[in-house]
Amino acid sequence: MREIVLDTETTGLDPLRGDRLVEIGCVEIFNRMPTGQSFHRHINPERDMPAEAFAVHGLSGEFLADKPRFAEVVDEFLEFIGDTPLVIHNASFDIGFINAELARISRPPIPRDRLVDTLLLARRKHPGVSNRLDDLCSRYAIDNSRRTKHGALLDAELLAEVYIDLIGARQSQLILAETQADRTIREGEAPRRQRQLPLAPRVSEAARAEHRAFAATLGDKLIWNDYLA
């Protein structure tokens, strides 16, 4: 199953009061595994950058001035996400901004029934504690040391890792891998992982000779005889 993990950065908190998108980052996962395919664009918000927002993501008005407007990247964005589920942390925030931008250019909104909100999933699984992205990275031992500021693509990449752990998909993959290894051994095939150097035998040739001599005193109907070369 194909899913898109998505994150945005904005000029503020409320698209109904003139705040705009400035960055979109998307990461594709298939059967709960990242594929390496992504979509990332900085966007000219056509307005100034408040100091509070700049402190969060570090994207200045000067940096964004020559970037494409949303209308110039919307077709590529919509083609990338297709009609797949969208995995978003605090989904109502990001989809509110995306739908506001779509409304400005008379495009239909993205329906909310496509959304998978990882914040809600985390609150159900870890009630009574903070479930920010940084907290979840720490909880699942995901390296977020590069996250000195918010960034849409980096945050989407981290969220993809969090999501896989949050829904238990990584553990399921490990169990499946173990089951496949067991099946391979049962079918008489060589295990996938083998020692580069075999272990030295612990039974000496003298001990083998003593065993053969002892077995010879017990008659010719010994079970050992079925396994002797």
Foldseek 3Di string as FASTA:
>chain_A
DKEKEKDWAWLDQDVVVLIATFKIKIFIDDLLHTPPDIDIFGAQSVDARDPVSCVFAVQGNVNRVPGHHCVVCVVVVCVVRPLAAYEYAVVVRVQNRVQSSCVVVPHHGNDPVSYDHVNVLCCVVPPPDDDDLVVLCVVVVNDPVVCPHDDTRSSSVSVSVSVCVSVPVVVVVVVVVVVVQVVCVVVVHDGPDDDPDDDDDPQDPVNVVVVVVVVVVVDDPDPVVVVDD
